[in-house]
Amino acid sequence: MSEPASMSVFIIDDNETTRAILRMIIQGEIYHVIGKANDGISDMARAQKLHPDIVCLDIDMPDSSGLDTLSTSTNVAQCRVLMVVGNNCRGAVVTAIPRGPAGLF
């Protein structure tokens, strides 16, 4: 039986504790966290240069929202974007879905 392929993950969240928790949850045999950052648009560009398989992107950040980041980022199709929602904000989820994230959690 072949071993599962490793997938690279980049985490963008303005909260350091949330970044650390996501890293602890994600990091393992299959998923490898290749970077983490605290800002939306500029760090999404940095993430895309690393070509991660998955980007975990916080929706609610003070400098730029994850929704704006998702809308303005080029090459989003090259990776899967999982929107991270820290609150029960149905409006943000409804807004994010047509913009193309692979999932919301």
PDB file of N, CA and C in Angstrom:
ATOM      1  N   MET A   1       0.840  -1.170   0.000  1.00  0.00           N
ATOM      2  CA  MET A   1       0.000   0.000   0.000  1.00  0.00           C
ATOM      3  C   MET A   1       0.890   1.240   0.000  1.00  0.00           C
ATOM      4  N   SER A   2       0.593   2.214  -0.872  1.00  0.00           N
ATOM      5  CA  SER A   2       1.406   3.417  -0.951  1.00  0.00           C
ATOM      6  C   SER A   2       1.052   4.390   0.171  1.00  0.00           C
ATOM      7  N   GLU A   3       2.026   5.202   0.506  1.00  0.00           N
ATOM      8  CA  GLU A   3       1.820   6.186   1.564  1.00  0.00           C
ATOM      9  C   GLU A   3       1.007   7.349   1.018  1.00  0.00           C
ATOM     10  N   PRO A   4       0.175   8.010   1.886  1.00  0.00           N
ATOM     11  CA  PRO A   4      -0.606   9.153   1.415  1.00  0.00           C
ATOM     12  C   PRO A   4       0.309  10.320   1.045  1.00  0.00           C
ATOM     13  N   ALA A   5      -0.105  11.056   0.038  1.00  0.00           N
ATOM     14  CA  ALA A   5       0.672  12.209  -0.400  1.00  0.00           C
ATOM     15  C   ALA A   5       0.598  13.319   0.635  1.00  0.00           C
ATOM     16  N   SER A   6       1.673  14.045   0.770  1.00  0.00           N
ATOM     17  CA  SER A   6       1.715  15.175   1.693  1.00  0.00           C
ATOM     18  C   SER A   6       1.120  16.406   1.013  1.00  0.00           C
ATOM     19  N   MET A   7       0.375  17.200   1.770  1.00  0.00           N
ATOM     20  CA  MET A   7      -0.209  18.433   1.248  1.00  0.00           C
ATOM     21  C   MET A   7       0.318  19.607   2.063  1.00  0.00           C
ATOM     22  N   SER A   8       0.679  20.681   1.363  1.00  0.00           N
ATOM     23  CA  SER A   8       1.209  21.867   2.036  1.00  0.00           C
ATOM     24  C   SER A   8       0.081  22.844   2.371  1.00  0.00           C
ATOM     25  N   VAL A   9       0.219  23.493   3.537  1.00  0.00           N
ATOM     26  CA  VAL A   9      -0.812  24.404   4.038  1.00  0.00           C
ATOM     27  C   VAL A   9      -0.150  25.714   4.466  1.00  0.00           C
ATOM     28  N   PHE A  10      -0.782  26.831   4.122  1.00  0.00           N
ATOM     29  CA  PHE A  10      -0.352  28.159   4.553  1.00  0.00           C
ATOM     30  C   PHE A  10      -1.503  28.765   5.337  1.00  0.00           C
ATOM     31  N   ILE A  11      -1.225  29.299   6.528  1.00  0.00           N
ATOM     32  CA  ILE A  11      -2.263  29.832   7.415  1.00  0.00           C
ATOM     33  C   ILE A  11      -2.161  31.356   7.463  1.00  0.00           C
ATOM     34  N   ILE A  12      -3.294  32.038   7.186  1.00  0.00           N
ATOM     35  CA  ILE A  12      -3.360  33.496   7.306  1.00  0.00           C
ATOM     36  C   ILE A  12      -4.455  33.837   8.304  1.00  0.00           C
ATOM     37  N   ASP A  13      -4.049  34.351   9.453  1.00  0.00           N
ATOM     38  CA  ASP A  13      -4.994  34.734  10.510  1.00  0.00           C
ATOM     39  C   ASP A  13      -4.326  35.804  11.356  1.00  0.00           C
ATOM     40  N   ASP A  14      -5.060  36.844  11.721  1.00  0.00           N
ATOM     41  CA  ASP A  14      -4.465  37.936  12.485  1.00  0.00           C
ATOM     42  C   ASP A  14      -4.225  37.587  13.951  1.00  0.00           C
ATOM     43  N   ASN A  15      -4.823  36.519  14.434  1.00  0.00           N
ATOM     44  CA  ASN A  15      -4.705  36.137  15.842  1.00  0.00           C
ATOM     45  C   ASN A  15      -3.614  35.077  15.993  1.00  0.00           C
ATOM     46  N   GLU A  16      -2.584  35.412  16.756  1.00  0.00           N
ATOM     47  CA  GLU A  16      -1.442  34.497  16.922  1.00  0.00           C
ATOM     48  C   GLU A  16      -1.862  33.172  17.557  1.00  0.00           C
ATOM     49  N   THR A  17      -2.753  33.230  18.525  1.00  0.00           N
ATOM     50  CA  THR A  17      -3.226  32.004  19.182  1.00  0.00           C
ATOM     51  C   THR A  17      -3.966  31.112  18.196  1.00  0.00           C
ATOM     52  N   THR A  18      -4.811  31.712  17.371  1.00  0.00           N
ATOM     53  CA  THR A  18      -5.549  30.933  16.371  1.00  0.00           C
ATOM     54  C   THR A  18      -4.592  30.292  15.381  1.00  0.00           C
ATOM     55  N   ARG A  19      -3.568  31.048  14.956  1.00  0.00           N
ATOM     56  CA  ARG A  19      -2.569  30.471  14.033  1.00  0.00           C
ATOM     57  C   ARG A  19      -1.885  29.270  14.667  1.00  0.00           C
ATOM     58  N   ALA A  20      -1.523  29.403  15.945  1.00  0.00           N
ATOM     59  CA  ALA A  20      -0.838  28.306  16.637  1.00  0.00           C
ATOM     60  C   ALA A  20      -1.748  27.086  16.781  1.00  0.00           C
ATOM     61  N   ILE A  21      -3.006  27.314  17.109  1.00  0.00           N
ATOM     62  CA  ILE A  21      -3.954  26.199  17.260  1.00  0.00           C
ATOM     63  C   ILE A  21      -4.190  25.519  15.920  1.00  0.00           C
ATOM     64  N   LEU A  22      -4.390  26.308  14.872  1.00  0.00           N
ATOM     65  CA  LEU A  22      -4.582  25.709  13.545  1.00  0.00           C
ATOM     66  C   LEU A  22      -3.362  24.885  13.139  1.00  0.00           C
ATOM     67  N   ARG A  23      -2.182  25.407  13.418  1.00  0.00           N
ATOM     68  CA  ARG A  23      -0.959  24.665  13.085  1.00  0.00           C
ATOM     69  C   ARG A  23      -0.913  23.334  13.830  1.00  0.00           C
ATOM     70  N   MET A  24      -1.248  23.353  15.131  1.00  0.00           N
ATOM     71  CA  MET A  24      -1.244  22.111  15.917  1.00  0.00           C
ATOM     72  C   MET A  24      -2.269  21.111  15.388  1.00  0.00           C
ATOM     73  N   ILE A  25      -3.416  21.606  14.959  1.00  0.00           N
ATOM     74  CA  ILE A  25      -4.471  20.724  14.436  1.00  0.00           C
ATOM     75  C   ILE A  25      -4.075  20.148  13.084  1.00  0.00           C
ATOM     76  N   ILE A  26      -3.504  20.984  12.230  1.00  0.00           N
ATOM     77  CA  ILE A  26      -3.233  20.610  10.842  1.00  0.00           C
ATOM     78  C   ILE A  26      -1.959  19.784  10.683  1.00  0.00           C
ATOM     79  N   GLN A  27      -0.892  20.211  11.337  1.00  0.00           N
ATOM     80  CA  GLN A  27       0.423  19.592  11.135  1.00  0.00           C
ATOM     81  C   GLN A  27       0.381  18.104  11.473  1.00  0.00           C
ATOM     82  N   GLY A  28       0.840  17.291  10.568  1.00  0.00           N
ATOM     83  CA  GLY A  28       0.865  15.852  10.798  1.00  0.00           C
ATOM     84  C   GLY A  28       1.518  15.131   9.644  1.00  0.00           C
ATOM     85  N   GLU A  29       1.188  13.867   9.496  1.00  0.00           N
ATOM     86  CA  GLU A  29       1.802  13.058   8.445  1.00  0.00           C
ATOM     87  C   GLU A  29       1.367  13.478   7.050  1.00  0.00           C
ATOM     88  N   ILE A  30       0.105  13.884   6.904  1.00  0.00           N
ATOM     89  CA  ILE A  30      -0.407  14.219   5.576  1.00  0.00           C
ATOM     90  C   ILE A  30      -0.283  15.717   5.284  1.00  0.00           C
ATOM     91  N   TYR A  31      -0.542  16.553   6.278  1.00  0.00           N
ATOM     92  CA  TYR A  31      -0.521  18.003   6.077  1.00  0.00           C
ATOM     93  C   TYR A  31       0.728  18.607   6.703  1.00  0.00           C
ATOM     94  N   HIS A  32       1.370  19.485   5.941  1.00  0.00           N
ATOM     95  CA  HIS A  32       2.599  20.136   6.396  1.00  0.00           C
ATOM     96  C   HIS A  32       2.407  21.651   6.286  1.00  0.00           C
ATOM     97  N   VAL A  33       2.447  22.348   7.411  1.00  0.00           N
ATOM     98  CA  VAL A  33       2.294  23.800   7.410  1.00  0.00           C
ATOM     99  C   VAL A  33       3.606  24.414   6.933  1.00  0.00           C
ATOM    100  N   ILE A  34       3.542  25.109   5.793  1.00  0.00           N
ATOM    101  CA  ILE A  34       4.756  25.683   5.203  1.00  0.00           C
ATOM    102  C   ILE A  34       4.920  27.163   5.531  1.00  0.00           C
ATOM    103  N   GLY A  35       3.904  27.755   6.156  1.00  0.00           N
ATOM    104  CA  GLY A  35       4.023  29.159   6.520  1.00  0.00           C
ATOM    105  C   GLY A  35       2.769  29.648   7.201  1.00  0.00           C
ATOM    106  N   LYS A  36       2.931  30.757   7.903  1.00  0.00           N
ATOM    107  CA  LYS A  36       1.782  31.385   8.540  1.00  0.00           C
ATOM    108  C   LYS A  36       2.010  32.882   8.543  1.00  0.00           C
ATOM    109  N   ALA A  37       0.922  33.632   8.517  1.00  0.00           N
ATOM    110  CA  ALA A  37       1.020  35.080   8.415  1.00  0.00           C
ATOM    111  C   ALA A  37      -0.196  35.719   9.076  1.00  0.00           C
ATOM    112  N   ASN A  38      -0.129  37.034   9.254  1.00  0.00           N
ATOM    113  CA  ASN A  38      -1.205  37.705   9.971  1.00  0.00           C
ATOM    114  C   ASN A  38      -1.932  38.773   9.183  1.00  0.00           C
ATOM    115  N   ASP A  39      -1.714  38.866   7.895  1.00  0.00           N
ATOM    116  CA  ASP A  39      -2.344  39.904   7.085  1.00  0.00           C
ATOM    117  C   ASP A  39      -2.917  39.276   5.827  1.00  0.00           C
ATOM    118  N   GLY A  40      -3.953  39.858   5.293  1.00  0.00           N
ATOM    119  CA  GLY A  40      -4.652  39.273   4.167  1.00  0.00           C
ATOM    120  C   GLY A  40      -3.968  39.361   2.826  1.00  0.00           C
ATOM    121  N   ILE A  41      -4.113  40.481   2.137  1.00  0.00           N
ATOM    122  CA  ILE A  41      -3.733  40.585   0.733  1.00  0.00           C
ATOM    123  C   ILE A  41      -2.233  40.389   0.509  1.00  0.00           C
ATOM    124  N   SER A  42      -1.382  41.071   1.277  1.00  0.00           N
ATOM    125  CA  SER A  42       0.060  40.939   1.045  1.00  0.00           C
ATOM    126  C   SER A  42       0.549  39.536   1.375  1.00  0.00           C
ATOM    127  N   ASP A  43      -0.002  38.933   2.421  1.00  0.00           N
ATOM    128  CA  ASP A  43       0.437  37.589   2.783  1.00  0.00           C
ATOM    129  C   ASP A  43      -0.153  36.520   1.875  1.00  0.00           C
ATOM    130  N   MET A  44      -1.301  36.782   1.274  1.00  0.00           N
ATOM    131  CA  MET A  44      -1.835  35.835   0.287  1.00  0.00           C
ATOM    132  C   MET A  44      -0.906  35.804  -0.923  1.00  0.00           C
ATOM    133  N   ALA A  45      -0.392  36.956  -1.315  1.00  0.00           N
ATOM    134  CA  ALA A  45       0.574  36.990  -2.426  1.00  0.00           C
ATOM    135  C   ALA A  45       1.826  36.206  -2.053  1.00  0.00           C
ATOM    136  N   ARG A  46       2.293  36.360  -0.802  1.00  0.00           N
ATOM    137  CA  ARG A  46       3.455  35.598  -0.324  1.00  0.00           C
ATOM    138  C   ARG A  46       3.162  34.100  -0.317  1.00  0.00           C
ATOM    139  N   ALA A  47       1.967  33.754   0.135  1.00  0.00           N
ATOM    140  CA  ALA A  47       1.575  32.342   0.178  1.00  0.00           C
ATOM    141  C   ALA A  47       1.562  31.747  -1.223  1.00  0.00           C
ATOM    142  N   GLN A  48       1.029  32.490  -2.176  1.00  0.00           N
ATOM    143  CA  GLN A  48       0.917  31.961  -3.532  1.00  0.00           C
ATOM    144  C   GLN A  48       2.279  31.720  -4.174  1.00  0.00           C
ATOM    145  N   LYS A  49       3.300  32.464  -3.749  1.00  0.00           N
ATOM    146  CA  LYS A  49       4.654  32.224  -4.264  1.00  0.00           C
ATOM    147  C   LYS A  49       5.195  30.881  -3.777  1.00  0.00           C
ATOM    148  N   LEU A  50       4.688  30.414  -2.623  1.00  0.00           N
ATOM    149  CA  LEU A  50       5.104  29.121  -2.067  1.00  0.00           C
ATOM    150  C   LEU A  50       4.302  27.957  -2.653  1.00  0.00           C
ATOM    151  N   HIS A  51       3.250  28.263  -3.394  1.00  0.00           N
ATOM    152  CA  HIS A  51       2.395  27.265  -4.041  1.00  0.00           C
ATOM    153  C   HIS A  51       1.841  26.215  -3.073  1.00  0.00           C
ATOM    154  N   PRO A  52       1.158  26.654  -2.002  1.00  0.00           N
ATOM    155  CA  PRO A  52       0.576  25.668  -1.090  1.00  0.00           C
ATOM    156  C   PRO A  52      -0.615  24.971  -1.755  1.00  0.00           C
ATOM    157  N   ASP A  53      -0.909  23.793  -1.276  1.00  0.00           N
ATOM    158  CA  ASP A  53      -2.105  23.094  -1.746  1.00  0.00           C
ATOM    159  C   ASP A  53      -3.355  23.715  -1.128  1.00  0.00           C
ATOM    160  N   ILE A  54      -3.221  24.192   0.106  1.00  0.00           N
ATOM    161  CA  ILE A  54      -4.345  24.743   0.861  1.00  0.00           C
ATOM    162  C   ILE A  54      -3.913  26.029   1.552  1.00  0.00           C
ATOM    163  N   VAL A  55      -4.786  27.038   1.532  1.00  0.00           N
ATOM    164  CA  VAL A  55      -4.590  28.254   2.328  1.00  0.00           C
ATOM    165  C   VAL A  55      -5.760  28.344   3.298  1.00  0.00           C
ATOM    166  N   CYS A  56      -5.466  28.414   4.590  1.00  0.00           N
ATOM    167  CA  CYS A  56      -6.480  28.685   5.615  1.00  0.00           C
ATOM    168  C   CYS A  56      -6.514  30.193   5.780  1.00  0.00           C
ATOM    169  N   LEU A  57      -7.631  30.806   5.454  1.00  0.00           N
ATOM    170  CA  LEU A  57      -7.738  32.265   5.413  1.00  0.00           C
ATOM    171  C   LEU A  57      -8.830  32.741   6.359  1.00  0.00           C
ATOM    172  N   ASP A  58      -8.445  33.561   7.322  1.00  0.00           N
ATOM    173  CA  ASP A  58      -9.392  34.140   8.271  1.00  0.00           C
ATOM    174  C   ASP A  58     -10.299  35.128   7.546  1.00  0.00           C
ATOM    175  N   ILE A  59     -11.584  35.088   7.833  1.00  0.00           N
ATOM    176  CA  ILE A  59     -12.517  36.032   7.215  1.00  0.00           C
ATOM    177  C   ILE A  59     -12.395  37.411   7.845  1.00  0.00           C
ATOM    178  N   ASP A  60     -12.264  37.478   9.157  1.00  0.00           N
ATOM    179  CA  ASP A  60     -12.339  38.751   9.873  1.00  0.00           C
ATOM    180  C   ASP A  60     -10.963  39.172  10.387  1.00  0.00           C
ATOM    181  N   MET A  61     -10.306  40.068   9.617  1.00  0.00           N
ATOM    182  CA  MET A  61      -9.009  40.601  10.025  1.00  0.00           C
ATOM    183  C   MET A  61      -9.088  42.124   9.990  1.00  0.00           C
ATOM    184  N   PRO A  62      -8.372  42.814  10.867  1.00  0.00           N
ATOM    185  CA  PRO A  62      -8.513  44.266  10.956  1.00  0.00           C
ATOM    186  C   PRO A  62      -8.000  45.045   9.733  1.00  0.00           C
ATOM    187  N   ASP A  63      -6.897  44.640   9.142  1.00  0.00           N
ATOM    188  CA  ASP A  63      -6.328  45.403   8.026  1.00  0.00           C
ATOM    189  C   ASP A  63      -6.999  45.115   6.688  1.00  0.00           C
ATOM    190  N   SER A  64      -7.366  43.887   6.469  1.00  0.00           N
ATOM    191  CA  SER A  64      -8.075  43.500   5.240  1.00  0.00           C
ATOM    192  C   SER A  64      -8.858  42.239   5.542  1.00  0.00           C
ATOM    193  N   SER A  65     -10.088  42.214   5.114  1.00  0.00           N
ATOM    194  CA  SER A  65     -10.891  41.024   5.398  1.00  0.00           C
ATOM    195  C   SER A  65     -10.473  39.885   4.484  1.00  0.00           C
ATOM    196  N   GLY A  66     -10.717  38.668   4.935  1.00  0.00           N
ATOM    197  CA  GLY A  66     -10.441  37.507   4.111  1.00  0.00           C
ATOM    198  C   GLY A  66     -11.268  37.512   2.845  1.00  0.00           C
ATOM    199  N   LEU A  67     -12.463  38.102   2.923  1.00  0.00           N
ATOM    200  CA  LEU A  67     -13.322  38.191   1.733  1.00  0.00           C
ATOM    201  C   LEU A  67     -12.689  39.102   0.692  1.00  0.00           C
ATOM    202  N   ASP A  68     -12.129  40.249   1.127  1.00  0.00           N
ATOM    203  CA  ASP A  68     -11.433  41.136   0.192  1.00  0.00           C
ATOM    204  C   ASP A  68     -10.200  40.450  -0.378  1.00  0.00           C
ATOM    205  N   THR A  69      -9.484  39.754   0.479  1.00  0.00           N
ATOM    206  CA  THR A  69      -8.289  39.031   0.047  1.00  0.00           C
ATOM    207  C   THR A  69      -8.636  38.009  -1.020  1.00  0.00           C
ATOM    208  N   LEU A  70      -9.709  37.274  -0.784  1.00  0.00           N
ATOM    209  CA  LEU A  70     -10.138  36.254  -1.738  1.00  0.00           C
ATOM    210  C   LEU A  70     -10.525  36.879  -3.074  1.00  0.00           C
ATOM    211  N   SER A  71     -11.185  38.041  -3.030  1.00  0.00           N
ATOM    212  CA  SER A  71     -11.637  38.713  -4.251  1.00  0.00           C
ATOM    213  C   SER A  71     -10.491  39.295  -5.063  1.00  0.00           C
ATOM    214  N   THR A  72      -9.467  39.801  -4.393  1.00  0.00           N
ATOM    215  CA  THR A  72      -8.402  40.501  -5.098  1.00  0.00           C
ATOM    216  C   THR A  72      -7.192  39.631  -5.418  1.00  0.00           C
ATOM    217  N   SER A  73      -7.147  38.432  -4.890  1.00  0.00           N
ATOM    218  CA  SER A  73      -5.992  37.566  -5.114  1.00  0.00           C
ATOM    219  C   SER A  73      -6.050  36.917  -6.483  1.00  0.00           C
ATOM    220  N   THR A  74      -4.910  36.915  -7.133  1.00  0.00           N
ATOM    221  CA  THR A  74      -4.801  36.202  -8.402  1.00  0.00           C
ATOM    222  C   THR A  74      -4.294  34.794  -8.100  1.00  0.00           C
ATOM    223  N   ASN A  75      -4.511  33.904  -8.986  1.00  0.00           N
ATOM    224  CA  ASN A  75      -4.031  32.528  -8.869  1.00  0.00           C
ATOM    225  C   ASN A  75      -4.658  31.752  -7.702  1.00  0.00           C
ATOM    226  N   VAL A  76      -5.809  32.197  -7.206  1.00  0.00           N
ATOM    227  CA  VAL A  76      -6.475  31.458  -6.134  1.00  0.00           C
ATOM    228  C   VAL A  76      -6.854  30.066  -6.620  1.00  0.00           C
ATOM    229  N   ALA A  77      -7.101  29.932  -7.901  1.00  0.00           N
ATOM    230  CA  ALA A  77      -7.489  28.629  -8.446  1.00  0.00           C
ATOM    231  C   ALA A  77      -6.386  27.593  -8.307  1.00  0.00           C
ATOM    232  N   GLN A  78      -5.151  28.033  -8.099  1.00  0.00           N
ATOM    233  CA  GLN A  78      -4.042  27.093  -7.975  1.00  0.00           C
ATOM    234  C   GLN A  78      -4.020  26.395  -6.622  1.00  0.00           C
ATOM    235  N   CYS A  79      -4.784  26.886  -5.658  1.00  0.00           N
ATOM    236  CA  CYS A  79      -4.823  26.251  -4.351  1.00  0.00           C
ATOM    237  C   CYS A  79      -6.261  26.229  -3.837  1.00  0.00           C
ATOM    238  N   ARG A  80      -6.487  25.438  -2.838  1.00  0.00           N
ATOM    239  CA  ARG A  80      -7.790  25.418  -2.187  1.00  0.00           C
ATOM    240  C   ARG A  80      -7.752  26.382  -1.025  1.00  0.00           C
ATOM    241  N   VAL A  81      -8.796  27.176  -0.894  1.00  0.00           N
ATOM    242  CA  VAL A  81      -8.867  28.147   0.189  1.00  0.00           C
ATOM    243  C   VAL A  81      -9.953  27.705   1.164  1.00  0.00           C
ATOM    244  N   LEU A  82      -9.554  27.538   2.415  1.00  0.00           N
ATOM    245  CA  LEU A  82     -10.496  27.228   3.480  1.00  0.00           C
ATOM    246  C   LEU A  82     -10.655  28.480   4.321  1.00  0.00           C
ATOM    247  N   MET A  83     -11.853  29.019   4.334  1.00  0.00           N
ATOM    248  CA  MET A  83     -12.120  30.225   5.101  1.00  0.00           C
ATOM    249  C   MET A  83     -12.313  29.846   6.565  1.00  0.00           C
ATOM    250  N   VAL A  84     -11.634  30.558   7.435  1.00  0.00           N
ATOM    251  CA  VAL A  84     -11.715  30.313   8.875  1.00  0.00           C
ATOM    252  C   VAL A  84     -12.641  31.372   9.466  1.00  0.00           C
ATOM    253  N   VAL A  85     -13.704  30.910  10.108  1.00  0.00           N
ATOM    254  CA  VAL A  85     -14.701  31.807  10.681  1.00  0.00           C
ATOM    255  C   VAL A  85     -14.643  31.680  12.195  1.00  0.00           C
ATOM    256  N   GLY A  86     -14.318  32.779  12.877  1.00  0.00           N
ATOM    257  CA  GLY A  86     -14.187  32.751  14.329  1.00  0.00           C
ATOM    258  C   GLY A  86     -15.460  33.104  15.064  1.00  0.00           C
ATOM    259  N   ASN A  87     -16.501  33.417  14.333  1.00  0.00           N
ATOM    260  CA  ASN A  87     -17.770  33.749  14.978  1.00  0.00           C
ATOM    261  C   ASN A  87     -18.921  33.159  14.176  1.00  0.00           C
ATOM    262  N   ASN A  88     -20.090  33.347  14.652  1.00  0.00           N
ATOM    263  CA  ASN A  88     -21.277  32.789  14.000  1.00  0.00           C
ATOM    264  C   ASN A  88     -21.885  33.844  13.085  1.00  0.00           C
ATOM    265  N   CYS A  89     -21.152  34.233  12.062  1.00  0.00           N
ATOM    266  CA  CYS A  89     -21.574  35.304  11.162  1.00  0.00           C
ATOM    267  C   CYS A  89     -22.063  34.712   9.846  1.00  0.00           C
ATOM    268  N   ARG A  90     -23.341  34.443   9.768  1.00  0.00           N
ATOM    269  CA  ARG A  90     -23.933  33.845   8.570  1.00  0.00           C
ATOM    270  C   ARG A  90     -23.684  34.698   7.332  1.00  0.00           C
ATOM    271  N   GLY A  91     -23.733  36.035   7.487  1.00  0.00           N
ATOM    272  CA  GLY A  91     -23.533  36.926   6.351  1.00  0.00           C
ATOM    273  C   GLY A  91     -22.181  36.740   5.696  1.00  0.00           C
ATOM    274  N   ALA A  92     -21.142  36.576   6.495  1.00  0.00           N
ATOM    275  CA  ALA A  92     -19.798  36.376   5.950  1.00  0.00           C
ATOM    276  C   ALA A  92     -19.711  35.061   5.191  1.00  0.00           C
ATOM    277  N   VAL A  93     -20.337  34.036   5.724  1.00  0.00           N
ATOM    278  CA  VAL A  93     -20.327  32.723   5.062  1.00  0.00           C
ATOM    279  C   VAL A  93     -21.054  32.802   3.725  1.00  0.00           C
ATOM    280  N   VAL A  94     -22.220  33.434   3.722  1.00  0.00           N
ATOM    281  CA  VAL A  94     -23.016  33.566   2.486  1.00  0.00           C
ATOM    282  C   VAL A  94     -22.243  34.382   1.452  1.00  0.00           C
ATOM    283  N   THR A  95     -21.534  35.409   1.896  1.00  0.00           N
ATOM    284  CA  THR A  95     -20.741  36.231   0.985  1.00  0.00           C
ATOM    285  C   THR A  95     -19.543  35.463   0.435  1.00  0.00           C
ATOM    286  N   ALA A  96     -18.934  34.623   1.261  1.00  0.00           N
ATOM    287  CA  ALA A  96     -17.704  33.908   0.855  1.00  0.00           C
ATOM    288  C   ALA A  96     -17.965  32.825  -0.173  1.00  0.00           C
ATOM    289  N   ILE A  97     -19.066  32.133  -0.076  1.00  0.00           N
ATOM    290  CA  ILE A  97     -19.304  30.964  -0.924  1.00  0.00           C
ATOM    291  C   ILE A  97     -19.184  31.265  -2.414  1.00  0.00           C
ATOM    292  N   PRO A  98     -19.815  32.320  -2.960  1.00  0.00           N
ATOM    293  CA  PRO A  98     -19.673  32.546  -4.403  1.00  0.00           C
ATOM    294  C   PRO A  98     -18.281  33.008  -4.835  1.00  0.00           C
ATOM    295  N   ARG A  99     -17.446  33.392  -3.886  1.00  0.00           N
ATOM    296  CA  ARG A  99     -16.102  33.870  -4.224  1.00  0.00           C
ATOM    297  C   ARG A  99     -15.118  32.730  -4.402  1.00  0.00           C
ATOM    298  N   GLY A 100     -15.548  31.516  -4.121  1.00  0.00           N
ATOM    299  CA  GLY A 100     -14.743  30.371  -4.486  1.00  0.00           C
ATOM    300  C   GLY A 100     -13.935  29.650  -3.441  1.00  0.00           C
ATOM    301  N   PRO A 101     -14.135  29.854  -2.131  1.00  0.00           N
ATOM    302  CA  PRO A 101     -13.330  29.037  -1.208  1.00  0.00           C
ATOM    303  C   PRO A 101     -13.729  27.587  -1.302  1.00  0.00           C
ATOM    304  N   ALA A 102     -12.789  26.717  -1.026  1.00  0.00           N
ATOM    305  CA  ALA A 102     -13.075  25.281  -1.068  1.00  0.00           C
ATOM    306  C   ALA A 102     -13.911  24.843   0.106  1.00  0.00           C
ATOM    307  N   GLY A 103     -13.882  25.586   1.180  1.00  0.00           N
ATOM    308  CA  GLY A 103     -14.659  25.201   2.347  1.00  0.00           C
ATOM    309  C   GLY A 103     -14.625  26.259   3.412  1.00  0.00           C
ATOM    310  N   LEU A 104     -15.528  26.139   4.335  1.00  0.00           N
ATOM    311  CA  LEU A 104     -15.599  27.053   5.467  1.00  0.00           C
ATOM    312  C   LEU A 104     -15.565  26.225   6.730  1.00  0.00           C
ATOM    313  N   PHE A 105     -14.729  26.631   7.690  1.00  0.00           N
ATOM    314  CA  PHE A 105     -14.751  25.925   8.973  1.00  0.00           C
ATOM    315  C   PHE A 105     -14.463  26.902  10.083  1.00  0.00           C
TER     316      PHE A 105
END
